[in-house]
């Protein structure tokens, strides 16, 4: 299993949790949860940057930017504002991870189709 695939799934799950947490917990709690998850998102984005795929590098760069922004926002803004900023950032990361998963799947399908071997008719 590819590390790109696992990283994108981990990003989607972490950001999906943050989407739910922003609507389930008190604003003060959301600020600290978003801070912790944003650190994990930023580190994962940085770890995926050396990917060979140009699409994945773009996705990783954008994920890193969104994660860094969320870290700063969770510490600077009022907790009530952080709820909505974290919600928007988490939705952005979910969308970016879906793009990364789709790019990974398309590349995998392309490799599988290019490796198919045509059979020669069998003489009877």
PDB file of N, CA and C in Angstrom:
ATOM      1  N   UNK A   1       0.845  -1.173   0.000  1.00  0.00           N
ATOM      2  CA  UNK A   1       0.000   0.000   0.000  1.00  0.00           C
ATOM      3  C   UNK A   1       0.894   1.240   0.000  1.00  0.00           C
ATOM      4  N   UNK A   2       0.512   2.237  -0.758  1.00  0.00           N
ATOM      5  CA  UNK A   2       1.310   3.444  -0.945  1.00  0.00           C
ATOM      6  C   UNK A   2       1.229   4.371   0.277  1.00  0.00           C
ATOM      7  N   UNK A   3       2.350   5.004   0.592  1.00  0.00           N
ATOM      8  CA  UNK A   3       2.345   5.975   1.693  1.00  0.00           C
ATOM      9  C   UNK A   3       1.541   7.207   1.315  1.00  0.00           C
ATOM     10  N   UNK A   4       1.509   7.542   0.017  1.00  0.00           N
ATOM     11  CA  UNK A   4       0.676   8.667  -0.428  1.00  0.00           C
ATOM     12  C   UNK A   4      -0.785   8.389  -0.129  1.00  0.00           C
ATOM     13  N   UNK A   5      -1.224   7.180  -0.430  1.00  0.00           N
ATOM     14  CA  UNK A   5      -2.612   6.800  -0.185  1.00  0.00           C
ATOM     15  C   UNK A   5      -2.925   6.875   1.309  1.00  0.00           C
ATOM     16  N   UNK A   6      -2.059   6.281   2.126  1.00  0.00           N
ATOM     17  CA  UNK A   6      -2.281   6.288   3.569  1.00  0.00           C
ATOM     18  C   UNK A   6      -2.261   7.695   4.147  1.00  0.00           C
ATOM     19  N   UNK A   7      -1.359   8.540   3.647  1.00  0.00           N
ATOM     20  CA  UNK A   7      -1.294   9.916   4.130  1.00  0.00           C
ATOM     21  C   UNK A   7      -2.550  10.693   3.773  1.00  0.00           C
ATOM     22  N   UNK A   8      -3.041  10.506   2.560  1.00  0.00           N
ATOM     23  CA  UNK A   8      -4.264  11.197   2.151  1.00  0.00           C
ATOM     24  C   UNK A   8      -5.476  10.713   2.941  1.00  0.00           C
ATOM     25  N   UNK A   9      -5.531   9.427   3.225  1.00  0.00           N
ATOM     26  CA  UNK A   9      -6.633   8.906   4.048  1.00  0.00           C
ATOM     27  C   UNK A   9      -6.543   9.459   5.468  1.00  0.00           C
ATOM     28  N   UNK A  10      -5.330   9.499   6.015  1.00  0.00           N
ATOM     29  CA  UNK A  10      -5.152  10.054   7.366  1.00  0.00           C
ATOM     30  C   UNK A  10      -5.559  11.524   7.410  1.00  0.00           C
ATOM     31  N   UNK A  11      -5.200  12.280   6.386  1.00  0.00           N
ATOM     32  CA  UNK A  11      -5.606  13.682   6.315  1.00  0.00           C
ATOM     33  C   UNK A  11      -7.124  13.815   6.259  1.00  0.00           C
ATOM     34  N   UNK A  12      -7.754  12.992   5.438  1.00  0.00           N
ATOM     35  CA  UNK A  12      -9.210  13.062   5.315  1.00  0.00           C
ATOM     36  C   UNK A  12      -9.893  12.721   6.637  1.00  0.00           C
ATOM     37  N   UNK A  13      -9.391  11.712   7.329  1.00  0.00           N
ATOM     38  CA  UNK A  13      -9.992  11.329   8.610  1.00  0.00           C
ATOM     39  C   UNK A  13      -9.784  12.388   9.683  1.00  0.00           C
ATOM     40  N   UNK A  14      -8.581  12.934   9.769  1.00  0.00           N
ATOM     41  CA  UNK A  14      -8.301  13.965  10.775  1.00  0.00           C
ATOM     42  C   UNK A  14      -9.123  15.217  10.507  1.00  0.00           C
ATOM     43  N   UNK A  15      -9.175  15.635   9.255  1.00  0.00           N
ATOM     44  CA  UNK A  15      -9.952  16.828   8.919  1.00  0.00           C
ATOM     45  C   UNK A  15     -11.450  16.571   9.073  1.00  0.00           C
ATOM     46  N   UNK A  16     -11.895  15.374   8.743  1.00  0.00           N
ATOM     47  CA  UNK A  16     -13.304  15.033   8.957  1.00  0.00           C
ATOM     48  C   UNK A  16     -13.674  15.067  10.426  1.00  0.00           C
ATOM     49  N   UNK A  17     -12.771  14.583  11.271  1.00  0.00           N
ATOM     50  CA  UNK A  17     -13.009  14.675  12.707  1.00  0.00           C
ATOM     51  C   UNK A  17     -13.102  16.122  13.150  1.00  0.00           C
ATOM     52  N   UNK A  18     -12.228  16.968  12.609  1.00  0.00           N
ATOM     53  CA  UNK A  18     -12.246  18.382  12.979  1.00  0.00           C
ATOM     54  C   UNK A  18     -13.540  19.062  12.525  1.00  0.00           C
ATOM     55  N   UNK A  19     -14.060  18.677  11.376  1.00  0.00           N
ATOM     56  CA  UNK A  19     -15.344  19.218  10.918  1.00  0.00           C
ATOM     57  C   UNK A  19     -16.428  18.905  11.936  1.00  0.00           C
ATOM     58  N   UNK A  20     -16.477  17.671  12.385  1.00  0.00           N
ATOM     59  CA  UNK A  20     -17.489  17.271  13.367  1.00  0.00           C
ATOM     60  C   UNK A  20     -17.222  17.945  14.716  1.00  0.00           C
ATOM     61  N   UNK A  21     -15.974  18.012  15.126  1.00  0.00           N
ATOM     62  CA  UNK A  21     -15.628  18.594  16.430  1.00  0.00           C
ATOM     63  C   UNK A  21     -15.997  20.070  16.507  1.00  0.00           C
ATOM     64  N   UNK A  22     -15.884  20.790  15.388  1.00  0.00           N
ATOM     65  CA  UNK A  22     -16.211  22.212  15.423  1.00  0.00           C
ATOM     66  C   UNK A  22     -17.679  22.454  15.743  1.00  0.00           C
ATOM     67  N   UNK A  23     -18.522  21.499  15.403  1.00  0.00           N
ATOM     68  CA  UNK A  23     -19.945  21.668  15.677  1.00  0.00           C
ATOM     69  C   UNK A  23     -20.392  20.949  16.955  1.00  0.00           C
ATOM     70  N   UNK A  24     -19.518  20.142  17.548  1.00  0.00           N
ATOM     71  CA  UNK A  24     -19.915  19.335  18.700  1.00  0.00           C
ATOM     72  C   UNK A  24     -19.392  19.863  20.035  1.00  0.00           C
ATOM     73  N   UNK A  25     -18.277  20.571  20.017  1.00  0.00           N
ATOM     74  CA  UNK A  25     -17.648  20.987  21.259  1.00  0.00           C
ATOM     75  C   UNK A  25     -17.753  22.497  21.469  1.00  0.00           C
ATOM     76  N   UNK A  26     -17.445  22.920  22.669  1.00  0.00           N
ATOM     77  CA  UNK A  26     -17.450  24.346  23.014  1.00  0.00           C
ATOM     78  C   UNK A  26     -16.310  25.053  22.274  1.00  0.00           C
ATOM     79  N   UNK A  27     -16.458  26.348  21.991  1.00  0.00           N
ATOM     80  CA  UNK A  27     -15.436  27.072  21.228  1.00  0.00           C
ATOM     81  C   UNK A  27     -14.029  26.998  21.815  1.00  0.00           C
ATOM     82  N   UNK A  28     -13.887  27.056  23.125  1.00  0.00           N
ATOM     83  CA  UNK A  28     -12.559  26.944  23.728  1.00  0.00           C
ATOM     84  C   UNK A  28     -11.918  25.597  23.462  1.00  0.00           C
ATOM     85  N   UNK A  29     -12.716  24.564  23.537  1.00  0.00           N
ATOM     86  CA  UNK A  29     -12.227  23.207  23.264  1.00  0.00           C
ATOM     87  C   UNK A  29     -11.867  23.052  21.790  1.00  0.00           C
ATOM     88  N   UNK A  30     -12.699  23.614  20.925  1.00  0.00           N
ATOM     89  CA  UNK A  30     -12.442  23.536  19.482  1.00  0.00           C
ATOM     90  C   UNK A  30     -11.122  24.213  19.136  1.00  0.00           C
ATOM     91  N   UNK A  31     -10.822  25.313  19.792  1.00  0.00           N
ATOM     92  CA  UNK A  31      -9.569  26.020  19.513  1.00  0.00           C
ATOM     93  C   UNK A  31      -8.365  25.115  19.774  1.00  0.00           C
ATOM     94  N   UNK A  32      -8.386  24.383  20.880  1.00  0.00           N
ATOM     95  CA  UNK A  32      -7.253  23.503  21.195  1.00  0.00           C
ATOM     96  C   UNK A  32      -7.246  22.243  20.341  1.00  0.00           C
ATOM     97  N   UNK A  33      -8.415  21.713  20.039  1.00  0.00           N
ATOM     98  CA  UNK A  33      -8.476  20.544  19.149  1.00  0.00           C
ATOM     99  C   UNK A  33      -7.963  20.924  17.765  1.00  0.00           C
ATOM    100  N   UNK A  34      -8.390  22.077  17.265  1.00  0.00           N
ATOM    101  CA  UNK A  34      -7.942  22.507  15.940  1.00  0.00           C
ATOM    102  C   UNK A  34      -6.439  22.783  15.934  1.00  0.00           C
ATOM    103  N   UNK A  35      -5.908  23.290  17.029  1.00  0.00           N
ATOM    104  CA  UNK A  35      -4.467  23.504  17.132  1.00  0.00           C
ATOM    105  C   UNK A  35      -3.718  22.176  16.998  1.00  0.00           C
ATOM    106  N   UNK A  36      -4.151  21.165  17.740  1.00  0.00           N
ATOM    107  CA  UNK A  36      -3.482  19.860  17.691  1.00  0.00           C
ATOM    108  C   UNK A  36      -3.614  19.176  16.342  1.00  0.00           C
ATOM    109  N   UNK A  37      -4.801  19.194  15.785  1.00  0.00           N
ATOM    110  CA  UNK A  37      -5.007  18.542  14.493  1.00  0.00           C
ATOM    111  C   UNK A  37      -4.278  19.306  13.391  1.00  0.00           C
ATOM    112  N   UNK A  38      -4.235  20.631  13.487  1.00  0.00           N
ATOM    113  CA  UNK A  38      -3.517  21.424  12.485  1.00  0.00           C
ATOM    114  C   UNK A  38      -2.024  21.117  12.492  1.00  0.00           C
ATOM    115  N   UNK A  39      -1.465  20.863  13.658  1.00  0.00           N
ATOM    116  CA  UNK A  39      -0.051  20.464  13.722  1.00  0.00           C
ATOM    117  C   UNK A  39       0.142  19.138  12.988  1.00  0.00           C
ATOM    118  N   UNK A  40      -0.738  18.180  13.237  1.00  0.00           N
ATOM    119  CA  UNK A  40      -0.643  16.878  12.558  1.00  0.00           C
ATOM    120  C   UNK A  40      -0.824  17.029  11.049  1.00  0.00           C
ATOM    121  N   UNK A  41      -1.752  17.879  10.633  1.00  0.00           N
ATOM    122  CA  UNK A  41      -1.988  18.099   9.206  1.00  0.00           C
ATOM    123  C   UNK A  41      -0.764  18.741   8.554  1.00  0.00           C
ATOM    124  N   UNK A  42      -0.172  19.714   9.220  1.00  0.00           N
ATOM    125  CA  UNK A  42       1.005  20.396   8.671  1.00  0.00           C
ATOM    126  C   UNK A  42       2.188  19.437   8.552  1.00  0.00           C
ATOM    127  N   UNK A  43       2.403  18.637   9.572  1.00  0.00           N
ATOM    128  CA  UNK A  43       3.512  17.674   9.529  1.00  0.00           C
ATOM    129  C   UNK A  43       3.289  16.643   8.427  1.00  0.00           C
ATOM    130  N   UNK A  44       2.059  16.165   8.274  1.00  0.00           N
ATOM    131  CA  UNK A  44       1.756  15.198   7.220  1.00  0.00           C
ATOM    132  C   UNK A  44       1.942  15.828   5.842  1.00  0.00           C
ATOM    133  N   UNK A  45       1.490  17.061   5.686  1.00  0.00           N
ATOM    134  CA  UNK A  45       1.680  17.761   4.414  1.00  0.00           C
ATOM    135  C   UNK A  45       3.151  17.936   4.076  1.00  0.00           C
ATOM    136  N   UNK A  46       3.952  18.306   5.073  1.00  0.00           N
ATOM    137  CA  UNK A  46       5.396  18.445   4.850  1.00  0.00           C
ATOM    138  C   UNK A  46       6.041  17.108   4.508  1.00  0.00           C
ATOM    139  N   UNK A  47       5.581  16.040   5.133  1.00  0.00           N
ATOM    140  CA  UNK A  47       6.146  14.713   4.863  1.00  0.00           C
ATOM    141  C   UNK A  47       5.822  14.237   3.446  1.00  0.00           C
ATOM    142  N   UNK A  48       4.697  14.692   2.900  1.00  0.00           N
ATOM    143  CA  UNK A  48       4.303  14.257   1.558  1.00  0.00           C
ATOM    144  C   UNK A  48       4.887  15.140   0.456  1.00  0.00           C
ATOM    145  N   UNK A  49       5.533  16.246   0.790  1.00  0.00           N
ATOM    146  CA  UNK A  49       6.075  17.162  -0.228  1.00  0.00           C
ATOM    147  C   UNK A  49       7.084  16.529  -1.190  1.00  0.00           C
ATOM    148  N   UNK A  50       7.965  15.621  -0.756  1.00  0.00           N
ATOM    149  CA  UNK A  50       8.935  15.061  -1.710  1.00  0.00           C
ATOM    150  C   UNK A  50       8.355  14.034  -2.685  1.00  0.00           C
ATOM    151  N   UNK A  51       7.067  13.962  -2.816  1.00  0.00           N
ATOM    152  CA  UNK A  51       6.431  12.999  -3.715  1.00  0.00           C
ATOM    153  C   UNK A  51       6.876  13.215  -5.161  1.00  0.00           C
ATOM    154  N   UNK A  52       6.875  12.144  -5.940  1.00  0.00           N
ATOM    155  CA  UNK A  52       7.251  12.241  -7.348  1.00  0.00           C
ATOM    156  C   UNK A  52       6.122  12.813  -8.205  1.00  0.00           C
ATOM    157  N   UNK A  53       4.911  12.687  -7.749  1.00  0.00           N
ATOM    158  CA  UNK A  53       3.765  13.165  -8.512  1.00  0.00           C
ATOM    159  C   UNK A  53       3.621  14.679  -8.366  1.00  0.00           C
ATOM    160  N   UNK A  54       3.547  15.411  -9.475  1.00  0.00           N
ATOM    161  CA  UNK A  54       3.395  16.864  -9.373  1.00  0.00           C
ATOM    162  C   UNK A  54       2.063  17.272  -8.748  1.00  0.00           C
ATOM    163  N   UNK A  55       1.018  16.516  -9.012  1.00  0.00           N
ATOM    164  CA  UNK A  55      -0.282  16.826  -8.411  1.00  0.00           C
ATOM    165  C   UNK A  55      -0.209  16.650  -6.896  1.00  0.00           C
ATOM    166  N   UNK A  56       0.441  15.587  -6.454  1.00  0.00           N
ATOM    167  CA  UNK A  56       0.560  15.349  -5.016  1.00  0.00           C
ATOM    168  C   UNK A  56       1.409  16.411  -4.345  1.00  0.00           C
ATOM    169  N   UNK A  57       2.441  16.898  -5.036  1.00  0.00           N
ATOM    170  CA  UNK A  57       3.255  17.980  -4.470  1.00  0.00           C
ATOM    171  C   UNK A  57       2.430  19.249  -4.292  1.00  0.00           C
ATOM    172  N   UNK A  58       1.585  19.551  -5.263  1.00  0.00           N
ATOM    173  CA  UNK A  58       0.713  20.726  -5.156  1.00  0.00           C
ATOM    174  C   UNK A  58      -0.265  20.551  -4.007  1.00  0.00           C
ATOM    175  N   UNK A  59      -0.882  19.383  -3.939  1.00  0.00           N
ATOM    176  CA  UNK A  59      -1.822  19.097  -2.849  1.00  0.00           C
ATOM    177  C   UNK A  59      -1.112  19.187  -1.503  1.00  0.00           C
ATOM    178  N   UNK A  60       0.067  18.621  -1.403  1.00  0.00           N
ATOM    179  CA  UNK A  60       0.825  18.651  -0.146  1.00  0.00           C
ATOM    180  C   UNK A  60       1.185  20.078   0.251  1.00  0.00           C
ATOM    181  N   UNK A  61       1.586  20.881  -0.711  1.00  0.00           N
ATOM    182  CA  UNK A  61       1.898  22.269  -0.422  1.00  0.00           C
ATOM    183  C   UNK A  61       0.693  23.042   0.081  1.00  0.00           C
ATOM    184  N   UNK A  62      -0.455  22.822  -0.573  1.00  0.00           N
ATOM    185  CA  UNK A  62      -1.678  23.500  -0.134  1.00  0.00           C
ATOM    186  C   UNK A  62      -2.133  23.018   1.242  1.00  0.00           C
ATOM    187  N   UNK A  63      -2.006  21.725   1.492  1.00  0.00           N
ATOM    188  CA  UNK A  63      -2.366  21.176   2.806  1.00  0.00           C
ATOM    189  C   UNK A  63      -1.459  21.772   3.881  1.00  0.00           C
ATOM    190  N   UNK A  64      -0.180  21.894   3.586  1.00  0.00           N
ATOM    191  CA  UNK A  64       0.757  22.486   4.545  1.00  0.00           C
ATOM    192  C   UNK A  64       0.393  23.941   4.839  1.00  0.00           C
ATOM    193  N   UNK A  65       0.050  24.690   3.792  1.00  0.00           N
ATOM    194  CA  UNK A  65      -0.362  26.083   3.985  1.00  0.00           C
ATOM    195  C   UNK A  65      -1.626  26.199   4.827  1.00  0.00           C
ATOM    196  N   UNK A  66      -2.618  25.368   4.529  1.00  0.00           N
ATOM    197  CA  UNK A  66      -3.874  25.407   5.293  1.00  0.00           C
ATOM    198  C   UNK A  66      -3.614  24.999   6.742  1.00  0.00           C
ATOM    199  N   UNK A  67      -2.781  23.984   6.940  1.00  0.00           N
ATOM    200  CA  UNK A  67      -2.455  23.556   8.300  1.00  0.00           C
ATOM    201  C   UNK A  67      -1.731  24.641   9.089  1.00  0.00           C
ATOM    202  N   UNK A  68      -0.769  25.301   8.450  1.00  0.00           N
ATOM    203  CA  UNK A  68      -0.037  26.376   9.126  1.00  0.00           C
ATOM    204  C   UNK A  68      -0.973  27.546   9.450  1.00  0.00           C
ATOM    205  N   UNK A  69      -1.849  27.870   8.512  1.00  0.00           N
ATOM    206  CA  UNK A  69      -2.827  28.938   8.757  1.00  0.00           C
ATOM    207  C   UNK A  69      -3.727  28.581   9.942  1.00  0.00           C
ATOM    208  N   UNK A  70      -4.144  27.339  10.026  1.00  0.00           N
ATOM    209  CA  UNK A  70      -5.028  26.915  11.108  1.00  0.00           C
ATOM    210  C   UNK A  70      -4.309  26.974  12.455  1.00  0.00           C
ATOM    211  N   UNK A  71      -3.026  26.638  12.477  1.00  0.00           N
ATOM    212  CA  UNK A  71      -2.252  26.754  13.720  1.00  0.00           C
ATOM    213  C   UNK A  71      -2.257  28.199  14.202  1.00  0.00           C
ATOM    214  N   UNK A  72      -1.937  29.104  13.292  1.00  0.00           N
ATOM    215  CA  UNK A  72      -1.895  30.528  13.657  1.00  0.00           C
ATOM    216  C   UNK A  72      -3.279  31.016  14.064  1.00  0.00           C
ATOM    217  N   UNK A  73      -4.294  30.669  13.279  1.00  0.00           N
ATOM    218  CA  UNK A  73      -5.653  31.138  13.562  1.00  0.00           C
ATOM    219  C   UNK A  73      -6.166  30.634  14.902  1.00  0.00           C
ATOM    220  N   UNK A  74      -5.823  29.397  15.248  1.00  0.00           N
ATOM    221  CA  UNK A  74      -6.327  28.840  16.509  1.00  0.00           C
ATOM    222  C   UNK A  74      -5.717  29.509  17.732  1.00  0.00           C
ATOM    223  N   UNK A  75      -4.560  30.153  17.555  1.00  0.00           N
ATOM    224  CA  UNK A  75      -3.913  30.832  18.668  1.00  0.00           C
ATOM    225  C   UNK A  75      -4.181  32.342  18.706  1.00  0.00           C
ATOM    226  N   UNK A  76      -4.533  32.920  17.558  1.00  0.00           N
ATOM    227  CA  UNK A  76      -4.654  34.375  17.466  1.00  0.00           C
ATOM    228  C   UNK A  76      -6.086  34.865  17.658  1.00  0.00           C
ATOM    229  N   UNK A  77      -7.030  34.184  17.032  1.00  0.00           N
ATOM    230  CA  UNK A  77      -8.408  34.666  17.034  1.00  0.00           C
ATOM    231  C   UNK A  77      -9.172  34.211  18.272  1.00  0.00           C
ATOM    232  N   UNK A  78     -10.303  34.852  18.495  1.00  0.00           N
ATOM    233  CA  UNK A  78     -11.192  34.475  19.602  1.00  0.00           C
ATOM    234  C   UNK A  78     -11.762  33.087  19.331  1.00  0.00           C
ATOM    235  N   UNK A  79     -12.040  32.317  20.387  1.00  0.00           N
ATOM    236  CA  UNK A  79     -12.539  30.952  20.199  1.00  0.00           C
ATOM    237  C   UNK A  79     -13.792  30.858  19.313  1.00  0.00           C
ATOM    238  N   UNK A  80     -14.694  31.823  19.411  1.00  0.00           N
ATOM    239  CA  UNK A  80     -15.899  31.767  18.574  1.00  0.00           C
ATOM    240  C   UNK A  80     -15.545  31.907  17.093  1.00  0.00           C
ATOM    241  N   UNK A  81     -14.529  32.689  16.791  1.00  0.00           N
ATOM    242  CA  UNK A  81     -14.079  32.837  15.407  1.00  0.00           C
ATOM    243  C   UNK A  81     -13.309  31.609  14.950  1.00  0.00           C
ATOM    244  N   UNK A  82     -12.553  31.027  15.863  1.00  0.00           N
ATOM    245  CA  UNK A  82     -11.762  29.838  15.538  1.00  0.00           C
ATOM    246  C   UNK A  82     -12.659  28.692  15.102  1.00  0.00           C
ATOM    247  N   UNK A  83     -13.839  28.595  15.678  1.00  0.00           N
ATOM    248  CA  UNK A  83     -14.764  27.519  15.301  1.00  0.00           C
ATOM    249  C   UNK A  83     -15.006  27.550  13.800  1.00  0.00           C
ATOM    250  N   UNK A  84     -15.317  28.712  13.260  1.00  0.00           N
ATOM    251  CA  UNK A  84     -15.639  28.805  11.841  1.00  0.00           C
ATOM    252  C   UNK A  84     -14.399  28.738  10.957  1.00  0.00           C
ATOM    253  N   UNK A  85     -13.293  29.295  11.424  1.00  0.00           N
ATOM    254  CA  UNK A  85     -12.057  29.189  10.653  1.00  0.00           C
ATOM    255  C   UNK A  85     -11.562  27.739  10.597  1.00  0.00           C
ATOM    256  N   UNK A  86     -11.652  27.041  11.717  1.00  0.00           N
ATOM    257  CA  UNK A  86     -11.247  25.633  11.744  1.00  0.00           C
ATOM    258  C   UNK A  86     -12.183  24.780  10.891  1.00  0.00           C
ATOM    259  N   UNK A  87     -13.476  25.104  10.926  1.00  0.00           N
ATOM    260  CA  UNK A  87     -14.449  24.385  10.100  1.00  0.00           C
ATOM    261  C   UNK A  87     -14.090  24.543   8.620  1.00  0.00           C
ATOM    262  N   UNK A  88     -13.817  25.778   8.189  1.00  0.00           N
ATOM    263  CA  UNK A  88     -13.470  26.036   6.792  1.00  0.00           C
ATOM    264  C   UNK A  88     -12.145  25.370   6.418  1.00  0.00           C
ATOM    265  N   UNK A  89     -11.165  25.447   7.302  1.00  0.00           N
ATOM    266  CA  UNK A  89      -9.867  24.824   7.022  1.00  0.00           C
ATOM    267  C   UNK A  89     -10.000  23.310   6.918  1.00  0.00           C
ATOM    268  N   UNK A  90     -10.795  22.727   7.804  1.00  0.00           N
ATOM    269  CA  UNK A  90     -10.980  21.270   7.778  1.00  0.00           C
ATOM    270  C   UNK A  90     -11.681  20.837   6.497  1.00  0.00           C
ATOM    271  N   UNK A  91     -12.668  21.598   6.057  1.00  0.00           N
ATOM    272  CA  UNK A  91     -13.323  21.274   4.785  1.00  0.00           C
ATOM    273  C   UNK A  91     -12.350  21.378   3.617  1.00  0.00           C
ATOM    274  N   UNK A  92     -11.468  22.381   3.664  1.00  0.00           N
ATOM    275  CA  UNK A  92     -10.461  22.524   2.616  1.00  0.00           C
ATOM    276  C   UNK A  92      -9.517  21.324   2.589  1.00  0.00           C
ATOM    277  N   UNK A  93      -9.097  20.865   3.755  1.00  0.00           N
ATOM    278  CA  UNK A  93      -8.186  19.713   3.815  1.00  0.00           C
ATOM    279  C   UNK A  93      -8.893  18.439   3.363  1.00  0.00           C
ATOM    280  N   UNK A  94     -10.165  18.285   3.720  1.00  0.00           N
ATOM    281  CA  UNK A  94     -10.923  17.122   3.231  1.00  0.00           C
ATOM    282  C   UNK A  94     -10.965  17.149   1.707  1.00  0.00           C
ATOM    283  N   UNK A  95     -11.257  18.310   1.142  1.00  0.00           N
ATOM    284  CA  UNK A  95     -11.298  18.432  -0.319  1.00  0.00           C
ATOM    285  C   UNK A  95      -9.952  18.149  -0.956  1.00  0.00           C
ATOM    286  N   UNK A  96      -8.890  18.676  -0.382  1.00  0.00           N
ATOM    287  CA  UNK A  96      -7.552  18.435  -0.930  1.00  0.00           C
ATOM    288  C   UNK A  96      -7.145  16.969  -0.813  1.00  0.00           C
ATOM    289  N   UNK A  97      -7.517  16.328   0.279  1.00  0.00           N
ATOM    290  CA  UNK A  97      -7.168  14.905   0.422  1.00  0.00           C
ATOM    291  C   UNK A  97      -7.953  14.050  -0.574  1.00  0.00           C
ATOM    292  N   UNK A  98      -9.181  14.444  -0.876  1.00  0.00           N
ATOM    293  CA  UNK A  98      -9.950  13.729  -1.904  1.00  0.00           C
ATOM    294  C   UNK A  98      -9.287  13.905  -3.273  1.00  0.00           C
ATOM    295  N   UNK A  99      -8.787  15.113  -3.541  1.00  0.00           N
ATOM    296  CA  UNK A  99      -8.051  15.337  -4.791  1.00  0.00           C
ATOM    297  C   UNK A  99      -6.806  14.446  -4.833  1.00  0.00           C
ATOM    298  N   UNK A 100      -6.079  14.372  -3.728  1.00  0.00           N
ATOM    299  CA  UNK A 100      -4.894  13.522  -3.666  1.00  0.00           C
ATOM    300  C   UNK A 100      -5.228  12.047  -3.844  1.00  0.00           C
ATOM    301  N   UNK A 101      -6.314  11.600  -3.219  1.00  0.00           N
ATOM    302  CA  UNK A 101      -6.735  10.200  -3.378  1.00  0.00           C
ATOM    303  C   UNK A 101      -7.159   9.909  -4.811  1.00  0.00           C
ATOM    304  N   UNK A 102      -7.857  10.851  -5.429  1.00  0.00           N
ATOM    305  CA  UNK A 102      -8.292  10.666  -6.812  1.00  0.00           C
ATOM    306  C   UNK A 102      -7.092  10.615  -7.751  1.00  0.00           C
ATOM    307  N   UNK A 103      -6.130  11.515  -7.550  1.00  0.00           N
ATOM    308  CA  UNK A 103      -4.922  11.503  -8.378  1.00  0.00           C
ATOM    309  C   UNK A 103      -4.154  10.197  -8.203  1.00  0.00           C
ATOM    310  N   UNK A 104      -4.085   9.709  -6.981  1.00  0.00           N
ATOM    311  CA  UNK A 104      -3.411   8.440  -6.731  1.00  0.00           C
ATOM    312  C   UNK A 104      -4.127   7.295  -7.439  1.00  0.00           C
ATOM    313  N   UNK A 105      -5.442   7.275  -7.367  1.00  0.00           N
ATOM    314  CA  UNK A 105      -6.217   6.204  -7.991  1.00  0.00           C
ATOM    315  C   UNK A 105      -6.092   6.253  -9.514  1.00  0.00           C
ATOM    316  N   UNK A 106      -6.137   7.440 -10.077  1.00  0.00           N
ATOM    317  CA  UNK A 106      -6.004   7.558 -11.532  1.00  0.00           C
ATOM    318  C   UNK A 106      -4.634   7.097 -11.994  1.00  0.00           C
ATOM    319  N   UNK A 107      -3.613   7.429 -11.239  1.00  0.00           N
ATOM    320  CA  UNK A 107      -2.262   6.988 -11.601  1.00  0.00           C
ATOM    321  C   UNK A 107      -2.152   5.472 -11.486  1.00  0.00           C
ATOM    322  N   UNK A 108      -2.742   4.892 -10.451  1.00  0.00           N
ATOM    323  CA  UNK A 108      -2.722   3.442 -10.286  1.00  0.00           C
ATOM    324  C   UNK A 108      -3.446   2.758 -11.442  1.00  0.00           C
ATOM    325  N   UNK A 109      -4.605   3.287 -11.833  1.00  0.00           N
ATOM    326  CA  UNK A 109      -5.355   2.703 -12.947  1.00  0.00           C
ATOM    327  C   UNK A 109      -4.561   2.791 -14.243  1.00  0.00           C
ATOM    328  N   UNK A 110      -3.876   3.896 -14.461  1.00  0.00           N
ATOM    329  CA  UNK A 110      -3.093   4.070 -15.676  1.00  0.00           C
ATOM    330  C   UNK A 110      -1.978   3.043 -15.741  1.00  0.00           C
ATOM    331  N   UNK A 111      -1.335   2.773 -14.605  1.00  0.00           N
ATOM    332  CA  UNK A 111      -0.254   1.787 -14.568  1.00  0.00           C
ATOM    333  C   UNK A 111      -0.810   0.402 -14.849  1.00  0.00           C
ATOM    334  N   UNK A 112      -1.953   0.066 -14.267  1.00  0.00           N
ATOM    335  CA  UNK A 112      -2.544  -1.254 -14.471  1.00  0.00           C
ATOM    336  C   UNK A 112      -2.912  -1.446 -15.935  1.00  0.00           C
ATOM    337  N   UNK A 113      -3.495  -0.438 -16.559  1.00  0.00           N
ATOM    338  CA  UNK A 113      -3.892  -0.566 -17.961  1.00  0.00           C
ATOM    339  C   UNK A 113      -2.693  -0.631 -18.891  1.00  0.00           C
ATOM    340  N   UNK A 114      -1.608   0.030 -18.545  1.00  0.00           N
ATOM    341  CA  UNK A 114      -0.432  -0.010 -19.402  1.00  0.00           C
ATOM    342  C   UNK A 114       0.304  -1.342 -19.288  1.00  0.00           C
ATOM    343  N   UNK A 115       0.051  -2.098 -18.224  1.00  0.00           N
ATOM    344  CA  UNK A 115       0.720  -3.385 -18.049  1.00  0.00           C
ATOM    345  C   UNK A 115      -0.078  -4.565 -18.597  1.00  0.00           C
ATOM    346  N   UNK A 116      -1.275  -4.331 -19.109  1.00  0.00           N
ATOM    347  CA  UNK A 116      -2.065  -5.428 -19.658  1.00  0.00           C
ATOM    348  C   UNK A 116      -1.371  -5.968 -20.894  1.00  0.00           C
ATOM    349  N   UNK A 117      -1.400  -7.278 -21.027  1.00  0.00           N
ATOM    350  CA  UNK A 117      -0.756  -7.934 -22.159  1.00  0.00           C
ATOM    351  C   UNK A 117      -1.836  -8.517 -23.042  1.00  0.00           C
ATOM    352  N   UNK A 118      -1.716  -8.262 -24.338  1.00  0.00           N
ATOM    353  CA  UNK A 118      -2.687  -8.811 -25.268  1.00  0.00           C
ATOM    354  C   UNK A 118      -2.357 -10.279 -25.520  1.00  0.00           C
ATOM    355  N   UNK A 119      -3.399 -11.081 -25.533  1.00  0.00           N
ATOM    356  CA  UNK A 119      -3.206 -12.510 -25.788  1.00  0.00           C
ATOM    357  C   UNK A 119      -3.230 -12.767 -27.296  1.00  0.00           C
ATOM    358  N   UNK A 120      -2.406 -13.699 -27.694  1.00  0.00           N
ATOM    359  CA  UNK A 120      -2.424 -14.103 -29.086  1.00  0.00           C
ATOM    360  C   UNK A 120      -3.430 -15.231 -29.239  1.00  0.00           C
ATOM    361  N   UNK A 121      -4.094 -15.281 -30.396  1.00  0.00           N
ATOM    362  CA  UNK A 121      -5.074 -16.380 -30.586  1.00  0.00           C
ATOM    363  C   UNK A 121      -4.364 -17.738 -30.551  1.00  0.00           C
ATOM    364  N   UNK A 122      -5.013 -18.679 -29.932  1.00  0.00           N
ATOM    365  CA  UNK A 122      -4.458 -20.022 -29.807  1.00  0.00           C
ATOM    366  C   UNK A 122      -4.844 -20.816 -31.053  1.00  0.00           C
ATOM    367  N   UNK A 123      -3.848 -21.445 -31.690  1.00  0.00           N
ATOM    368  CA  UNK A 123      -4.111 -22.256 -32.887  1.00  0.00           C
ATOM    369  C   UNK A 123      -4.650 -23.603 -32.470  1.00  0.00           C
ATOM    370  N   UNK A 124      -5.683 -24.029 -33.157  1.00  0.00           N
ATOM    371  CA  UNK A 124      -6.312 -25.293 -32.806  1.00  0.00           C
ATOM    372  C   UNK A 124      -5.757 -26.447 -33.560  1.00  0.00           C
TER     373      UNK A 124
END
